[in-house]
N, C-alpha and C. Protein backbone atom coordinates (compact mmCIF):
# COMPACT_ATOMS: atom_id res chain seq x y z
N MET A 1 -4.21 16.93 -5.61
CA MET A 1 -5.13 16.39 -4.68
C MET A 1 -5.49 14.83 -5.09
N ARG A 2 -5.41 14.63 -6.44
CA ARG A 2 -5.58 13.24 -6.73
C ARG A 2 -4.63 12.27 -6.14
N THR A 3 -3.36 12.70 -6.02
CA THR A 3 -2.32 11.92 -5.57
C THR A 3 -2.68 11.64 -4.05
N ARG A 4 -3.12 12.61 -3.28
CA ARG A 4 -3.42 12.41 -1.86
C ARG A 4 -4.70 11.37 -1.68
N ALA A 5 -5.55 11.43 -2.41
CA ALA A 5 -6.68 10.55 -2.46
C ALA A 5 -6.29 9.08 -2.89
N ALA A 6 -5.34 9.08 -3.79
CA ALA A 6 -4.68 7.77 -4.15
C ALA A 6 -4.00 7.04 -2.99
N TRP A 7 -3.12 7.81 -2.38
CA TRP A 7 -2.40 7.45 -1.28
C TRP A 7 -3.37 6.97 -0.05
N ALA A 8 -4.35 7.77 0.25
CA ALA A 8 -5.29 7.56 1.36
C ALA A 8 -6.10 6.34 0.96
N GLY A 9 -6.43 6.08 -0.30
CA GLY A 9 -7.14 4.98 -0.68
C GLY A 9 -6.39 3.65 -0.53
N PHE A 10 -5.12 3.67 -1.05
CA PHE A 10 -4.32 2.59 -0.98
C PHE A 10 -4.02 2.11 0.37
N LEU A 11 -3.59 3.02 1.31
CA LEU A 11 -3.38 2.69 2.82
C LEU A 11 -4.63 2.15 3.54
N ALA A 12 -5.75 2.77 3.31
CA ALA A 12 -6.90 2.25 3.91
C ALA A 12 -7.40 0.91 3.21
N PHE A 13 -7.18 0.81 2.04
CA PHE A 13 -7.53 -0.54 1.30
C PHE A 13 -6.60 -1.66 1.93
N ASP A 14 -5.31 -1.40 2.03
CA ASP A 14 -4.46 -2.33 2.61
C ASP A 14 -4.75 -2.69 3.94
N ARG A 15 -5.15 -1.66 4.70
CA ARG A 15 -5.46 -1.88 6.19
C ARG A 15 -6.83 -2.92 6.14
N ARG A 16 -7.72 -2.52 5.22
CA ARG A 16 -9.09 -3.27 5.34
C ARG A 16 -8.79 -4.73 4.92
N LEU A 17 -7.83 -4.96 3.97
CA LEU A 17 -7.60 -6.32 3.51
C LEU A 17 -6.89 -7.06 4.64
N ALA A 18 -5.95 -6.34 5.30
CA ALA A 18 -5.28 -7.01 6.54
C ALA A 18 -6.33 -7.39 7.54
N ASP A 19 -7.31 -6.63 7.75
CA ASP A 19 -8.43 -7.08 8.76
C ASP A 19 -9.15 -8.20 8.15
N ALA A 20 -9.49 -8.25 6.90
CA ALA A 20 -10.18 -9.28 6.32
C ALA A 20 -9.43 -10.59 6.31
N ALA A 21 -8.14 -10.42 6.31
CA ALA A 21 -7.28 -11.73 6.38
C ALA A 21 -6.51 -12.01 7.70
N ARG A 22 -7.09 -11.24 8.71
CA ARG A 22 -6.35 -11.39 10.10
C ARG A 22 -6.13 -12.90 10.45
N ASP A 23 -5.26 -13.16 11.34
CA ASP A 23 -5.20 -14.42 11.84
C ASP A 23 -6.32 -14.81 12.64
N GLY A 24 -6.65 -16.27 12.71
CA GLY A 24 -7.82 -16.70 13.37
C GLY A 24 -8.88 -17.00 12.51
N ARG A 25 -9.10 -16.25 11.35
CA ARG A 25 -10.34 -16.34 10.52
C ARG A 25 -10.14 -17.79 9.66
N GLU A 26 -11.28 -18.30 9.45
CA GLU A 26 -11.21 -19.45 8.68
C GLU A 26 -10.78 -19.20 7.21
N PRO A 27 -10.00 -19.96 6.49
CA PRO A 27 -9.52 -19.70 5.26
C PRO A 27 -10.69 -19.35 4.22
N ILE A 28 -11.79 -20.00 4.34
CA ILE A 28 -12.82 -19.76 3.41
C ILE A 28 -13.59 -18.43 3.70
N MET A 29 -13.49 -18.00 4.98
CA MET A 29 -14.21 -16.67 5.19
C MET A 29 -13.19 -15.48 4.59
N VAL A 30 -11.72 -15.79 4.82
CA VAL A 30 -10.88 -14.89 4.34
C VAL A 30 -11.01 -14.81 2.64
N GLN A 31 -11.20 -16.02 2.02
CA GLN A 31 -11.45 -15.92 0.64
C GLN A 31 -12.63 -15.20 0.09
N LEU A 32 -13.72 -15.34 0.96
CA LEU A 32 -14.93 -14.75 0.60
C LEU A 32 -14.84 -13.19 0.86
N ARG A 33 -14.20 -12.83 1.72
CA ARG A 33 -14.05 -11.33 1.98
C ARG A 33 -13.04 -10.65 0.96
N LEU A 34 -12.14 -11.35 0.56
CA LEU A 34 -11.24 -10.93 -0.54
C LEU A 34 -11.93 -11.01 -1.82
N ALA A 35 -12.63 -11.89 -2.04
CA ALA A 35 -13.35 -12.09 -3.30
C ALA A 35 -14.47 -10.88 -3.39
N TRP A 36 -14.95 -10.36 -2.58
CA TRP A 36 -15.92 -9.32 -2.64
C TRP A 36 -15.25 -8.10 -3.07
N TRP A 37 -14.10 -7.84 -2.55
CA TRP A 37 -13.23 -6.65 -3.05
C TRP A 37 -12.81 -6.91 -4.40
N ARG A 38 -12.27 -7.99 -4.72
CA ARG A 38 -11.85 -8.36 -6.14
C ARG A 38 -13.14 -8.18 -7.10
N ASP A 39 -14.32 -8.66 -6.81
CA ASP A 39 -15.38 -8.46 -7.57
C ASP A 39 -15.80 -6.97 -7.73
N ARG A 40 -15.82 -6.20 -6.62
CA ARG A 40 -16.07 -4.76 -6.71
C ARG A 40 -15.12 -4.05 -7.59
N LEU A 41 -13.76 -4.37 -7.57
CA LEU A 41 -12.84 -3.68 -8.35
C LEU A 41 -12.82 -3.98 -9.83
N THR A 42 -13.41 -5.11 -10.19
CA THR A 42 -13.60 -5.42 -11.43
C THR A 42 -14.88 -4.82 -12.18
N GLU A 43 -15.70 -4.42 -11.29
CA GLU A 43 -16.94 -3.77 -11.95
C GLU A 43 -16.69 -2.36 -12.39
N PRO A 44 -17.57 -1.98 -13.28
CA PRO A 44 -17.39 -0.47 -13.83
C PRO A 44 -17.68 0.35 -12.58
N PRO A 45 -16.98 1.53 -12.37
CA PRO A 45 -17.31 2.36 -11.18
C PRO A 45 -18.66 2.66 -10.94
N ALA A 46 -19.45 2.94 -12.01
CA ALA A 46 -20.86 3.23 -11.76
C ALA A 46 -21.71 2.17 -11.22
N ALA A 47 -21.28 0.89 -11.29
CA ALA A 47 -22.02 -0.27 -10.80
C ALA A 47 -21.56 -0.62 -9.44
N ARG A 48 -20.55 0.13 -8.73
CA ARG A 48 -20.22 -0.33 -7.44
C ARG A 48 -21.20 0.20 -6.43
N PRO A 49 -21.29 -0.62 -5.33
CA PRO A 49 -22.29 -0.09 -4.34
C PRO A 49 -21.76 1.37 -3.75
N LYS A 50 -22.77 2.20 -3.47
CA LYS A 50 -22.58 3.59 -3.03
C LYS A 50 -22.42 3.60 -1.52
N GLY A 51 -22.76 2.57 -0.84
CA GLY A 51 -22.60 2.66 0.65
C GLY A 51 -21.35 2.33 1.27
N GLU A 52 -20.33 2.02 0.54
CA GLU A 52 -19.00 1.77 0.85
C GLU A 52 -17.95 2.89 0.66
N PRO A 53 -17.71 3.73 1.72
CA PRO A 53 -16.89 4.88 1.40
C PRO A 53 -15.56 4.54 0.91
N LEU A 54 -14.84 3.51 1.21
CA LEU A 54 -13.56 2.99 0.65
C LEU A 54 -13.56 2.97 -0.81
N LEU A 55 -14.78 2.27 -1.34
CA LEU A 55 -14.77 2.20 -2.81
C LEU A 55 -14.85 3.61 -3.47
N ALA A 56 -15.54 4.54 -2.88
CA ALA A 56 -15.45 5.89 -3.23
C ALA A 56 -14.00 6.48 -3.28
N LEU A 57 -13.30 6.25 -2.20
CA LEU A 57 -11.98 6.70 -2.16
C LEU A 57 -11.06 5.94 -3.20
N LEU A 58 -11.37 4.76 -3.52
CA LEU A 58 -10.57 4.13 -4.53
C LEU A 58 -10.84 4.53 -5.96
N SER A 59 -11.84 5.27 -6.16
CA SER A 59 -12.04 5.77 -7.49
C SER A 59 -10.90 6.43 -8.11
N ALA A 60 -10.00 7.04 -7.43
CA ALA A 60 -8.76 7.56 -7.98
C ALA A 60 -8.01 6.58 -8.59
N TRP A 61 -8.14 5.36 -8.35
CA TRP A 61 -7.35 4.11 -8.78
C TRP A 61 -8.05 3.47 -9.97
N ASP A 62 -9.02 3.98 -10.63
CA ASP A 62 -9.70 3.32 -11.70
C ASP A 62 -8.83 2.91 -12.86
N ALA A 63 -7.83 3.83 -13.06
CA ALA A 63 -6.84 3.48 -14.17
C ALA A 63 -5.83 2.42 -13.88
N GLU A 64 -5.75 2.31 -12.48
CA GLU A 64 -4.60 1.25 -11.98
C GLU A 64 -5.21 0.14 -10.99
N SER A 65 -6.46 -0.11 -11.28
CA SER A 65 -7.18 -1.08 -10.43
C SER A 65 -6.42 -2.41 -10.54
N PRO A 66 -5.86 -2.91 -11.70
CA PRO A 66 -5.17 -4.28 -11.59
C PRO A 66 -4.14 -4.39 -10.55
N ALA A 67 -3.47 -3.12 -10.19
CA ALA A 67 -2.47 -3.15 -9.03
C ALA A 67 -3.13 -3.48 -7.71
N LEU A 68 -4.40 -2.85 -7.35
CA LEU A 68 -5.10 -3.33 -6.24
C LEU A 68 -5.56 -4.73 -6.28
N ILE A 69 -5.96 -5.21 -7.39
CA ILE A 69 -6.42 -6.56 -7.47
C ILE A 69 -5.25 -7.45 -7.23
N ALA A 70 -4.05 -7.17 -7.51
CA ALA A 70 -2.87 -7.98 -7.19
C ALA A 70 -2.53 -7.97 -5.76
N VAL A 71 -2.78 -6.81 -5.09
CA VAL A 71 -2.85 -6.88 -3.53
C VAL A 71 -3.74 -7.71 -3.05
N ILE A 72 -5.00 -7.85 -3.45
CA ILE A 72 -5.99 -8.69 -2.96
C ILE A 72 -5.35 -10.16 -3.16
N ASP A 73 -4.91 -10.45 -4.35
CA ASP A 73 -4.33 -11.79 -4.67
C ASP A 73 -3.18 -12.14 -3.73
N GLY A 74 -2.30 -11.11 -3.40
CA GLY A 74 -1.27 -11.32 -2.54
C GLY A 74 -1.62 -11.51 -1.18
N TRP A 75 -2.69 -10.99 -0.68
CA TRP A 75 -3.25 -11.36 0.69
C TRP A 75 -3.78 -12.70 0.68
N GLU A 76 -4.39 -13.08 -0.28
CA GLU A 76 -4.99 -14.42 -0.33
C GLU A 76 -3.97 -15.48 -0.40
N ALA A 77 -2.95 -15.30 -1.17
CA ALA A 77 -1.79 -16.20 -1.37
C ALA A 77 -1.07 -16.34 -0.01
N TRP A 78 -0.91 -15.30 0.65
CA TRP A 78 -0.36 -15.34 1.98
C TRP A 78 -1.03 -16.07 3.12
N LYS A 79 -2.42 -15.66 3.14
CA LYS A 79 -3.21 -16.20 4.23
C LYS A 79 -3.79 -17.56 3.97
N VAL A 80 -3.94 -17.86 2.68
CA VAL A 80 -4.66 -19.03 2.40
C VAL A 80 -3.67 -20.02 1.77
N GLY A 81 -2.79 -19.48 1.06
CA GLY A 81 -1.90 -20.37 0.22
C GLY A 81 -0.60 -20.74 1.03
N GLU A 82 0.57 -20.88 0.50
CA GLU A 82 1.71 -21.34 1.28
C GLU A 82 2.97 -20.49 0.64
N ASP A 83 2.75 -19.28 0.19
CA ASP A 83 3.81 -18.47 -0.33
C ASP A 83 4.60 -17.71 0.64
N GLY A 84 4.26 -17.51 1.83
CA GLY A 84 4.86 -16.91 2.94
C GLY A 84 4.85 -15.41 2.74
N GLY A 85 4.03 -14.81 1.93
CA GLY A 85 4.08 -13.31 1.75
C GLY A 85 4.87 -12.85 0.55
N ALA A 86 5.32 -13.59 -0.23
CA ALA A 86 6.20 -13.15 -1.36
C ALA A 86 5.25 -12.32 -2.35
N ALA A 87 4.03 -12.97 -2.57
CA ALA A 87 3.23 -12.42 -3.64
C ALA A 87 2.77 -11.07 -3.06
N LEU A 88 2.42 -10.92 -1.78
CA LEU A 88 1.94 -9.69 -1.24
C LEU A 88 3.05 -8.65 -1.30
N ALA A 89 4.27 -9.07 -0.98
CA ALA A 89 5.36 -8.03 -1.14
C ALA A 89 5.51 -7.48 -2.46
N LEU A 90 5.50 -8.42 -3.49
CA LEU A 90 5.50 -7.90 -4.89
C LEU A 90 4.31 -7.09 -5.36
N ALA A 91 3.24 -7.45 -4.81
CA ALA A 91 2.02 -6.67 -5.15
C ALA A 91 2.07 -5.32 -4.51
N ARG A 92 2.51 -5.29 -3.40
CA ARG A 92 2.59 -3.84 -2.66
C ARG A 92 3.60 -3.07 -3.39
N VAL A 93 4.58 -3.48 -3.79
CA VAL A 93 5.67 -2.72 -4.54
C VAL A 93 4.98 -2.28 -5.84
N GLY A 94 4.39 -3.22 -6.49
CA GLY A 94 3.66 -2.86 -7.75
C GLY A 94 2.54 -1.74 -7.46
N ALA A 95 1.92 -1.84 -6.35
CA ALA A 95 0.94 -0.76 -6.05
C ALA A 95 1.56 0.58 -5.80
N ILE A 96 2.89 0.61 -5.23
CA ILE A 96 3.66 1.89 -5.04
C ILE A 96 3.98 2.36 -6.45
N GLU A 97 4.38 1.36 -7.35
CA GLU A 97 4.68 1.74 -8.67
C GLU A 97 3.43 2.48 -9.44
N ALA A 98 2.30 1.77 -9.11
CA ALA A 98 1.03 2.44 -9.77
C ALA A 98 0.83 3.82 -9.15
N LEU A 99 0.92 4.00 -7.76
CA LEU A 99 0.87 5.34 -7.21
C LEU A 99 1.77 6.28 -7.95
N ALA A 100 2.93 5.88 -8.28
CA ALA A 100 3.86 6.83 -8.98
C ALA A 100 3.27 7.21 -10.23
N ARG A 101 2.68 6.22 -10.90
CA ARG A 101 2.03 6.55 -12.38
C ARG A 101 0.77 7.42 -12.14
N LEU A 102 -0.05 7.19 -11.15
CA LEU A 102 -1.16 7.98 -10.89
C LEU A 102 -0.76 9.43 -10.50
N SER A 103 0.62 9.57 -10.10
CA SER A 103 1.06 10.89 -9.70
C SER A 103 1.83 11.58 -10.89
N GLN A 104 1.51 10.85 -12.12
CA GLN A 104 2.26 11.30 -13.36
C GLN A 104 3.81 11.30 -13.41
N LEU A 105 4.21 10.20 -12.61
CA LEU A 105 5.61 10.04 -12.56
C LEU A 105 5.98 8.61 -13.18
N GLN A 106 7.28 8.35 -13.50
CA GLN A 106 7.60 7.09 -14.04
C GLN A 106 8.22 6.45 -12.87
N PRO A 107 7.81 5.18 -12.43
CA PRO A 107 8.39 4.59 -11.32
C PRO A 107 9.81 4.13 -11.68
N ASP A 108 10.75 4.34 -10.83
CA ASP A 108 12.16 3.91 -11.07
C ASP A 108 12.73 3.10 -9.96
N ASP A 109 14.03 2.78 -10.02
CA ASP A 109 14.66 1.79 -9.04
C ASP A 109 14.56 2.47 -7.75
N GLU A 110 14.78 3.63 -7.65
CA GLU A 110 14.68 4.32 -6.28
C GLU A 110 13.28 4.12 -5.59
N THR A 111 12.14 4.23 -6.48
CA THR A 111 10.79 4.14 -5.94
C THR A 111 10.69 2.65 -5.40
N ARG A 112 11.12 1.70 -6.34
CA ARG A 112 10.99 0.27 -5.95
C ARG A 112 11.79 -0.11 -4.71
N ARG A 113 13.04 0.37 -4.56
CA ARG A 113 13.84 0.05 -3.42
C ARG A 113 13.23 0.75 -2.16
N ALA A 114 12.70 1.84 -2.29
CA ALA A 114 12.16 2.60 -1.03
C ALA A 114 10.89 1.78 -0.67
N ALA A 115 10.04 1.31 -1.60
CA ALA A 115 8.95 0.46 -1.23
C ALA A 115 9.32 -0.80 -0.64
N ALA A 116 10.50 -1.46 -1.10
CA ALA A 116 10.77 -2.74 -0.55
C ALA A 116 11.25 -2.57 0.94
N GLU A 117 12.01 -1.45 1.03
CA GLU A 117 12.66 -1.08 2.42
C GLU A 117 11.43 -0.68 3.43
N TRP A 118 10.49 -0.09 2.99
CA TRP A 118 9.28 0.13 3.91
C TRP A 118 8.74 -1.21 4.26
N LEU A 119 8.59 -2.01 3.46
CA LEU A 119 7.85 -3.40 3.63
C LEU A 119 8.81 -4.20 4.24
N GLY A 120 10.10 -3.99 4.51
CA GLY A 120 11.00 -4.87 5.07
C GLY A 120 11.54 -5.99 4.34
N HIS A 121 11.44 -5.86 2.97
CA HIS A 121 11.88 -6.84 2.07
C HIS A 121 13.16 -6.59 1.45
N ALA A 122 13.96 -5.54 1.92
CA ALA A 122 15.29 -5.13 1.34
C ALA A 122 15.97 -4.53 2.47
N SER A 123 17.39 -4.75 2.37
CA SER A 123 18.13 -4.16 3.48
C SER A 123 18.28 -2.61 3.22
N ALA A 124 18.28 -1.87 4.23
CA ALA A 124 18.30 -0.40 3.99
C ALA A 124 19.47 0.15 3.54
N GLY A 125 19.36 0.92 2.54
CA GLY A 125 20.56 1.68 2.06
C GLY A 125 20.37 3.35 2.38
N PRO A 126 21.13 3.97 1.73
CA PRO A 126 20.97 5.44 1.85
C PRO A 126 19.60 5.94 1.35
N ALA A 127 19.11 6.89 2.01
CA ALA A 127 17.68 7.34 1.81
C ALA A 127 17.61 7.69 0.26
N PRO A 128 16.70 7.15 -0.49
CA PRO A 128 16.51 7.48 -1.94
C PRO A 128 15.99 8.94 -2.03
N ARG A 129 16.24 9.49 -3.33
CA ARG A 129 15.68 10.80 -3.50
C ARG A 129 14.22 10.53 -4.19
N LEU A 130 13.26 10.81 -3.62
CA LEU A 130 11.93 10.53 -4.09
C LEU A 130 11.19 11.86 -4.50
N PRO A 131 10.42 12.05 -5.52
CA PRO A 131 9.80 13.24 -5.84
C PRO A 131 8.69 13.56 -4.69
N ARG A 132 8.23 14.82 -4.72
CA ARG A 132 7.34 15.27 -3.72
C ARG A 132 6.03 14.32 -3.57
N ALA A 133 5.54 14.04 -4.89
CA ALA A 133 4.37 13.13 -4.82
C ALA A 133 4.49 11.83 -4.04
N LEU A 134 5.70 11.31 -4.01
CA LEU A 134 5.98 10.09 -3.28
C LEU A 134 6.51 10.36 -1.77
N ARG A 135 6.33 11.55 -1.37
CA ARG A 135 6.63 11.88 0.04
C ARG A 135 6.12 10.95 1.15
N PRO A 136 4.85 10.52 0.94
CA PRO A 136 4.35 9.47 1.96
C PRO A 136 5.05 8.28 1.96
N LEU A 137 5.71 7.87 0.81
CA LEU A 137 6.59 6.70 0.79
C LEU A 137 7.82 6.87 1.56
N ALA A 138 8.42 8.11 1.37
CA ALA A 138 9.62 8.54 2.16
C ALA A 138 9.39 8.42 3.63
N LEU A 139 8.23 8.93 4.05
CA LEU A 139 7.75 8.97 5.49
C LEU A 139 7.62 7.53 6.02
N LEU A 140 6.93 6.72 5.23
CA LEU A 140 6.63 5.27 5.66
C LEU A 140 8.05 4.52 5.78
N ARG A 141 8.76 4.76 4.80
CA ARG A 141 10.13 3.98 4.88
C ARG A 141 10.88 4.44 5.91
N GLY A 142 11.09 5.75 6.08
CA GLY A 142 11.92 6.25 7.33
C GLY A 142 11.49 5.83 8.70
N LEU A 143 9.99 5.86 8.91
CA LEU A 143 9.53 5.39 10.21
C LEU A 143 9.73 3.90 10.33
N ALA A 144 9.49 3.16 9.28
CA ALA A 144 9.66 1.61 9.26
C ALA A 144 11.14 1.26 9.67
N LEU A 145 11.95 2.11 9.36
CA LEU A 145 13.58 1.85 9.68
C LEU A 145 14.03 2.15 10.90
N ARG A 146 13.26 2.92 11.75
CA ARG A 146 13.50 3.46 13.10
C ARG A 146 13.57 2.36 14.05
N ALA A 147 14.20 2.48 15.12
CA ALA A 147 14.21 1.53 16.09
C ALA A 147 12.98 1.44 16.80
N PRO A 148 12.45 0.39 17.17
CA PRO A 148 11.11 0.23 17.88
C PRO A 148 11.08 0.93 19.27
N ASP A 149 12.38 0.74 19.80
CA ASP A 149 12.32 1.45 21.25
C ASP A 149 12.83 2.78 21.41
N GLU A 150 12.78 3.50 20.19
CA GLU A 150 13.28 4.94 20.28
C GLU A 150 12.26 5.61 20.95
N ALA A 151 12.76 6.78 21.63
CA ALA A 151 11.93 7.66 22.33
C ALA A 151 10.79 8.31 21.33
N PRO A 152 9.47 8.39 21.92
CA PRO A 152 8.46 8.77 20.98
C PRO A 152 8.77 10.21 20.30
N TRP A 153 9.44 11.11 21.16
CA TRP A 153 9.58 12.37 20.77
C TRP A 153 10.66 12.43 19.53
N ARG A 154 11.52 11.52 19.60
CA ARG A 154 12.56 11.39 18.36
C ARG A 154 11.93 10.99 17.24
N THR A 155 10.99 10.05 17.35
CA THR A 155 10.18 9.46 16.33
C THR A 155 9.38 10.52 15.66
N ALA A 156 8.74 11.47 16.64
CA ALA A 156 7.88 12.46 16.03
C ALA A 156 8.64 13.54 15.44
N LEU A 157 9.80 13.80 15.77
CA LEU A 157 10.66 14.80 15.15
C LEU A 157 11.09 14.19 13.71
N ALA A 158 11.40 12.95 13.85
CA ALA A 158 11.90 12.32 12.49
C ALA A 158 10.78 12.32 11.52
N ALA A 159 9.44 12.05 12.03
CA ALA A 159 8.29 12.07 11.03
C ALA A 159 8.18 13.47 10.54
N MET A 160 8.28 14.51 11.38
CA MET A 160 8.19 15.83 10.81
C MET A 160 9.21 16.14 9.70
N ARG A 161 10.47 15.75 10.04
CA ARG A 161 11.46 16.07 9.14
C ARG A 161 11.37 15.26 7.77
N LEU A 162 10.79 14.10 7.91
CA LEU A 162 10.54 13.29 6.65
C LEU A 162 9.40 13.83 6.01
N GLY A 163 8.42 14.26 6.60
CA GLY A 163 7.30 14.83 5.94
C GLY A 163 7.55 16.25 5.28
N LEU A 164 8.38 16.98 5.92
CA LEU A 164 8.66 18.26 5.23
C LEU A 164 9.84 18.19 4.23
N LEU A 165 10.89 17.40 4.49
CA LEU A 165 12.01 17.33 3.69
C LEU A 165 12.02 16.22 2.70
N GLY A 166 11.28 15.17 3.10
CA GLY A 166 11.44 13.80 2.39
C GLY A 166 12.71 13.00 2.69
N ARG A 167 13.47 13.41 3.59
CA ARG A 167 14.84 12.76 3.93
C ARG A 167 15.00 12.86 5.50
């Protein structure tokens, strides 16, 4: 159950950061929004505001909060800096490695490759064998590699297969 909360927290957190850093926002506003999250994640869990449900969901990440802070820094480097998203890509792969550790697994090359393929930062190879706790990564990777113009029913079947079998 802790693994599920960690995955849900990571995906919701990354989505929230994407919204905070969306195109069209002034760079200073992006930095302020990202700084708020950075500050909250560096606080002790008991000192965090209670009115933000995402912070409660991120409590599963307390042992790996530096990985989430790296994702914040990656978003800032991409949207305010000049790195073109390289820091964000590395931070997201690092967050997947942290998810593996939170799931009592040792991240390996297969995990890193699957994360890079999901994020579009590596050419796709054969589907890696991932442990059950990393099944969401197999699903995300598999769906990211599908053709965008594929029939919806084929995508839905592929999602079910990936969710059930991981391949």
